Amino acid sequence: MRYEDDYNGYVPAAERRKRALQQAQDVARAEGRELHGVIASCRSIARSFWGRAWNRHIEAFQDYESRLPLGRSCLRNGSVADLEITPGRIDSIVIDGEVYHIHIQIEPLEEERWAALRRCCAGKISSLADLVEGKLSDEIIALLCDPEEGIFPRPGEIRFDCDCPDWSDLCRHLAAALYAVSVRLDDAPELLFTLRGVEPQELFSAAPELDALPELDGKILSDTFGIDIG
C-alpha cells in the first residue's frame, strides 16, 4: 500500500533517492563543480587488469567480508553519485535514501617499499602504456600485487569515514566507494599511482640502482686495468 506524503510522511524510495540526488547536485553546483557518478557496467564490476586487481586486493581483507556484498549492490544500483581520487584520498557521495559523504584516507606508499619495487622492476617494464594496461610478466605482476609489499594499501594504511548512522568500520556506502574505485581504474588506471603518491614512470624508466650492484674489490680492478685504484 502506498501512502501519500501529506498523510503520514511516507516517501517512496525512488522519490527519496531523487530528492537526495538533487540535494547533492545543488551542493556541488554551489561549490562550482559537477558530480562524477560511477556505474558498474559489467557483471564483475571491473573489466581492466588494475580494476580487477584492486577488487581482488580489498576482497582479501577478512574484516571487510560481510560488508562488501552490500557495497557491490549499492554500486550496481547506481548509488555512487560522485567519486574523486587524489593523492592519499578517496572522496565520494553515495545516495542511499539520503546523501552520505565518504572520506577514505590512504597513507602514501612507503619510500623504502617503493624503492624496492623500482629496483625489482628496473629494465623489466618496456613502457608506461604496458604498465597502465597491465601488459606485464607474471614476475612483475606478482611483485606489484603482493598484498604486503606491493603497490596496494595494507588494511592498516586505510582510514574510513562516512556520515551515515552505521557505526561499523566499513558500512555499505564505504564498500560501494571502494568498488567504485575499481570502475574508475578501468578508464584511468594511472589514478592508482596518484592515490599512492608515486610516479608510474619511475617503474619502467628506472635503471638498476648503484647500491644494488655487487661491490668490486679495488685490488682486483687495479690488477685488471693496470691502474691504481684507492
Protein backbone atom coordinates (compact mmCIF):
# COMPACT_ATOMS: atom_id res chain seq x y z
CA MET A 1 0.00 0.00 0.00
CA ARG A 2 1.35 3.42 -0.93
CA TYR A 3 0.90 6.37 1.39
CA GLU A 4 0.99 9.98 0.27
CA ASP A 5 3.50 12.42 1.80
CA ASP A 6 0.84 14.54 3.47
CA TYR A 7 -0.83 11.51 5.04
CA ASN A 8 1.87 10.11 7.31
CA GLY A 9 5.18 11.38 5.98
CA TYR A 10 6.00 8.29 3.94
CA VAL A 11 8.01 8.96 0.80
CA PRO A 12 8.67 6.14 -1.71
CA ALA A 13 12.30 5.04 -2.05
CA ALA A 14 12.55 6.28 -5.64
CA GLU A 15 11.35 9.72 -4.63
CA ARG A 16 13.74 9.88 -1.66
CA ARG A 17 16.60 8.96 -3.97
CA LYS A 18 15.59 11.61 -6.49
CA ARG A 19 15.43 14.29 -3.81
CA ALA A 20 18.77 13.25 -2.31
CA LEU A 21 20.46 13.34 -5.70
CA GLN A 22 19.05 16.79 -6.36
CA GLN A 23 20.37 17.92 -2.99
CA ALA A 24 23.85 16.61 -3.82
CA GLN A 25 23.77 18.31 -7.21
CA ASP A 26 22.74 21.61 -5.62
CA VAL A 27 25.64 21.44 -3.18
CA ALA A 28 28.12 20.60 -5.95
CA ARG A 29 26.80 23.44 -8.10
CA ALA A 30 27.20 25.87 -5.21
CA GLU A 31 30.83 24.72 -4.92
CA GLY A 32 31.37 25.31 -8.64
CA ARG A 33 31.84 21.67 -9.64
CA GLU A 34 30.00 18.76 -11.19
CA LEU A 35 29.24 15.32 -9.84
CA HIS A 36 31.02 12.40 -11.49
CA GLY A 37 28.99 9.31 -10.77
CA VAL A 38 30.20 5.73 -11.13
CA ILE A 39 28.18 2.86 -12.57
CA ALA A 40 29.35 -0.74 -12.82
CA SER A 41 28.79 -1.70 -16.45
CA CYS A 42 29.86 -5.34 -16.30
CA ARG A 43 29.00 -8.33 -14.16
CA SER A 44 32.40 -8.50 -12.49
CA ILE A 45 32.22 -4.73 -11.73
CA ALA A 46 35.73 -4.05 -13.12
CA ARG A 47 36.93 -5.12 -16.55
CA SER A 48 40.58 -3.96 -16.64
CA PHE A 49 43.70 -5.52 -15.14
CA TRP A 50 44.17 -2.85 -12.45
CA GLY A 51 40.46 -2.61 -11.66
CA ARG A 52 40.17 -6.36 -11.11
CA ALA A 53 43.44 -6.40 -9.15
CA TRP A 54 42.10 -3.67 -6.84
CA ASN A 55 38.94 -5.68 -6.16
CA ARG A 56 40.86 -8.89 -5.50
CA HIS A 57 43.01 -6.99 -3.03
CA ILE A 58 40.16 -5.49 -0.97
CA GLU A 59 38.22 -8.75 -1.08
CA ALA A 60 41.16 -10.48 0.60
CA PHE A 61 40.63 -8.37 3.76
CA GLN A 62 38.72 -10.69 6.08
CA ASP A 63 37.39 -7.81 8.18
CA TYR A 64 35.53 -6.49 5.11
CA GLU A 65 33.99 -9.80 4.05
CA SER A 66 30.47 -9.30 5.43
CA ARG A 67 30.06 -5.74 4.12
CA LEU A 68 31.46 -5.98 0.62
CA PRO A 69 28.38 -7.67 -0.94
CA LEU A 70 26.24 -4.76 0.31
CA GLY A 71 28.68 -2.36 -1.29
CA ARG A 72 28.53 -4.19 -4.61
CA SER A 73 24.73 -3.99 -4.60
CA CYS A 74 24.86 -0.31 -3.70
CA LEU A 75 27.21 0.43 -6.61
CA ARG A 76 25.18 -1.61 -9.09
CA ASN A 77 22.07 0.30 -8.04
CA GLY A 78 23.75 3.49 -9.24
CA SER A 79 24.08 4.91 -5.73
CA VAL A 80 27.62 6.29 -6.14
CA ALA A 81 26.83 9.81 -7.33
CA ASP A 82 30.36 11.15 -7.15
CA LEU A 83 33.91 9.83 -6.76
CA GLU A 84 37.20 11.71 -6.67
CA ILE A 85 40.65 10.15 -6.34
CA THR A 86 43.54 12.36 -5.26
CA PRO A 87 46.89 11.62 -3.57
CA GLY A 88 46.08 9.72 -0.40
CA ARG A 89 42.31 10.32 -0.59
CA ILE A 90 39.11 8.89 -1.97
CA ASP A 91 36.10 11.22 -1.63
CA SER A 92 32.66 10.09 -2.64
CA ILE A 93 28.95 10.89 -2.40
CA VAL A 94 26.60 7.93 -2.07
CA ILE A 95 22.83 8.31 -2.40
CA ASP A 96 21.02 5.77 -0.24
CA GLY A 97 17.73 7.42 0.63
CA GLU A 98 19.85 10.27 1.99
CA VAL A 99 23.08 11.95 0.90
CA TYR A 100 26.11 10.36 2.52
CA HIS A 101 29.63 11.75 2.29
CA ILE A 102 32.52 9.31 2.12
CA HIS A 103 36.13 10.09 3.00
CA ILE A 104 38.79 7.40 2.77
CA GLN A 105 42.37 8.28 3.67
CA ILE A 106 45.21 6.09 2.45
CA GLU A 107 48.75 6.50 3.66
CA PRO A 108 51.38 7.25 1.00
CA LEU A 109 53.38 4.30 -0.25
CA GLU A 110 56.45 3.95 1.97
CA GLU A 111 59.60 5.21 0.26
CA GLU A 112 61.53 2.04 1.10
CA ARG A 113 58.77 -0.11 -0.34
CA TRP A 114 58.59 2.00 -3.50
CA ALA A 115 62.38 1.95 -3.89
CA ALA A 116 62.37 -1.85 -3.61
CA LEU A 117 59.68 -2.09 -6.31
CA ARG A 118 61.69 0.23 -8.56
CA ARG A 119 64.79 -1.92 -8.15
CA CYS A 120 62.91 -5.13 -8.88
CA CYS A 121 61.11 -3.67 -11.91
CA ALA A 122 64.14 -1.89 -13.41
CA GLY A 123 64.54 -2.85 -17.06
CA LYS A 124 61.58 -5.26 -16.94
CA ILE A 125 58.76 -2.92 -18.00
CA SER A 126 59.07 -1.58 -21.51
CA SER A 127 56.71 1.41 -21.44
CA LEU A 128 54.16 3.38 -19.46
CA ALA A 129 51.44 2.01 -21.74
CA ASP A 130 52.35 -1.57 -20.84
CA LEU A 131 52.32 -0.66 -17.16
CA VAL A 132 48.92 1.02 -17.09
CA GLU A 133 47.37 -1.63 -19.34
CA GLY A 134 48.73 -4.46 -17.20
CA LYS A 135 50.79 -5.98 -20.02
CA LEU A 136 53.37 -7.30 -17.60
CA SER A 137 55.22 -10.50 -16.90
CA ASP A 138 53.96 -12.84 -14.20
CA GLU A 139 57.01 -11.89 -12.12
CA ILE A 140 56.22 -8.17 -12.19
CA ILE A 141 52.51 -8.74 -11.58
CA ALA A 142 53.35 -10.82 -8.51
CA LEU A 143 55.63 -8.05 -7.22
CA LEU A 144 53.25 -5.15 -7.77
CA CYS A 145 50.19 -7.01 -6.49
CA ASP A 146 51.81 -8.60 -3.45
CA PRO A 147 49.41 -7.89 -0.55
CA GLU A 148 52.19 -6.86 1.82
CA GLU A 149 55.00 -5.43 -0.32
CA GLY A 150 53.18 -4.37 -3.50
CA ILE A 151 51.55 -1.11 -4.53
CA PHE A 152 48.12 -1.65 -2.98
CA PRO A 153 47.42 -0.30 0.54
CA ARG A 154 47.51 -2.64 3.51
CA PRO A 155 44.46 -2.68 5.81
CA GLY A 156 46.30 -0.69 8.46
CA GLU A 157 47.07 2.07 5.93
CA ILE A 158 43.38 2.85 5.29
CA ARG A 159 41.14 5.13 7.38
CA PHE A 160 37.37 5.25 6.75
CA ASP A 161 34.77 7.92 7.44
CA CYS A 162 31.09 8.04 6.46
CA ASP A 163 28.42 10.30 7.99
CA CYS A 164 25.73 7.59 7.91
CA PRO A 165 24.37 6.19 11.21
CA ASP A 166 26.11 2.83 10.73
CA TRP A 167 28.99 2.77 13.23
CA SER A 168 30.74 -0.27 11.78
CA ASP A 169 34.26 0.13 10.44
CA LEU A 170 33.01 -0.47 6.90
CA CYS A 171 29.42 0.45 6.07
CA ARG A 172 27.85 -0.36 2.72
CA HIS A 173 28.45 3.19 1.48
CA LEU A 174 32.18 2.93 2.12
CA ALA A 175 32.22 -0.51 0.50
CA ALA A 176 30.43 0.92 -2.56
CA ALA A 177 33.06 3.65 -2.83
CA LEU A 178 35.87 1.09 -2.64
CA TYR A 179 34.33 -0.89 -5.51
CA ALA A 180 33.71 2.34 -7.43
CA VAL A 181 37.48 2.93 -7.40
CA SER A 182 37.93 -0.23 -9.50
CA VAL A 183 35.48 1.06 -12.11
CA ARG A 184 37.31 4.38 -12.28
CA LEU A 185 40.61 2.49 -12.73
CA ASP A 186 39.13 0.84 -15.81
CA ASP A 187 39.21 4.20 -17.59
CA ALA A 188 42.11 5.87 -15.74
CA PRO A 189 44.48 3.23 -14.31
CA GLU A 190 47.09 5.88 -13.59
CA LEU A 191 44.86 7.04 -10.71
CA LEU A 192 46.10 4.07 -8.66
CA PHE A 193 49.58 5.60 -8.69
CA THR A 194 48.12 9.05 -7.96
CA LEU A 195 46.31 7.59 -4.95
CA ARG A 196 49.54 6.06 -3.65
CA GLY A 197 51.53 9.26 -4.20
CA VAL A 198 54.06 7.83 -6.67
CA GLU A 199 55.02 8.37 -10.32
CA PRO A 200 54.43 5.28 -12.51
CA GLN A 201 57.17 6.37 -14.93
CA GLU A 202 59.73 5.56 -12.27
CA LEU A 203 58.97 1.85 -12.62
CA PHE A 204 59.68 1.46 -16.31
CA SER A 205 62.34 4.16 -16.73
CA ALA A 206 64.46 3.25 -13.72
CA ALA A 207 67.90 1.82 -14.24
CA PRO A 208 69.30 -0.66 -11.72
CA GLU A 209 70.36 1.33 -8.69
CA LEU A 210 74.06 1.50 -7.88
CA ASP A 211 73.67 0.16 -4.38
CA ALA A 212 72.08 -2.95 -5.84
CA LEU A 213 75.24 -3.79 -7.82
CA PRO A 214 77.89 -6.06 -6.28
CA GLU A 215 80.80 -4.26 -4.66
CA LEU A 216 84.05 -4.80 -6.55
CA ASP A 217 87.42 -5.21 -4.87
CA GLY A 218 89.77 -2.28 -5.59
CA LYS A 219 92.89 -4.52 -5.85
CA ILE A 220 91.24 -6.72 -8.50
CA LEU A 221 90.34 -3.65 -10.56
CA SER A 222 93.90 -2.30 -10.23
CA ASP A 223 95.42 -5.59 -11.38
CA THR A 224 92.94 -5.92 -14.24
CA PHE A 225 93.26 -2.43 -15.71
CA GLY A 226 96.86 -1.66 -14.66
CA ILE A 227 95.90 1.49 -12.75
CA ASP A 228 95.99 2.39 -9.10
CA ILE A 229 92.50 2.48 -7.58
CA GLY A 230 92.44 3.67 -3.99
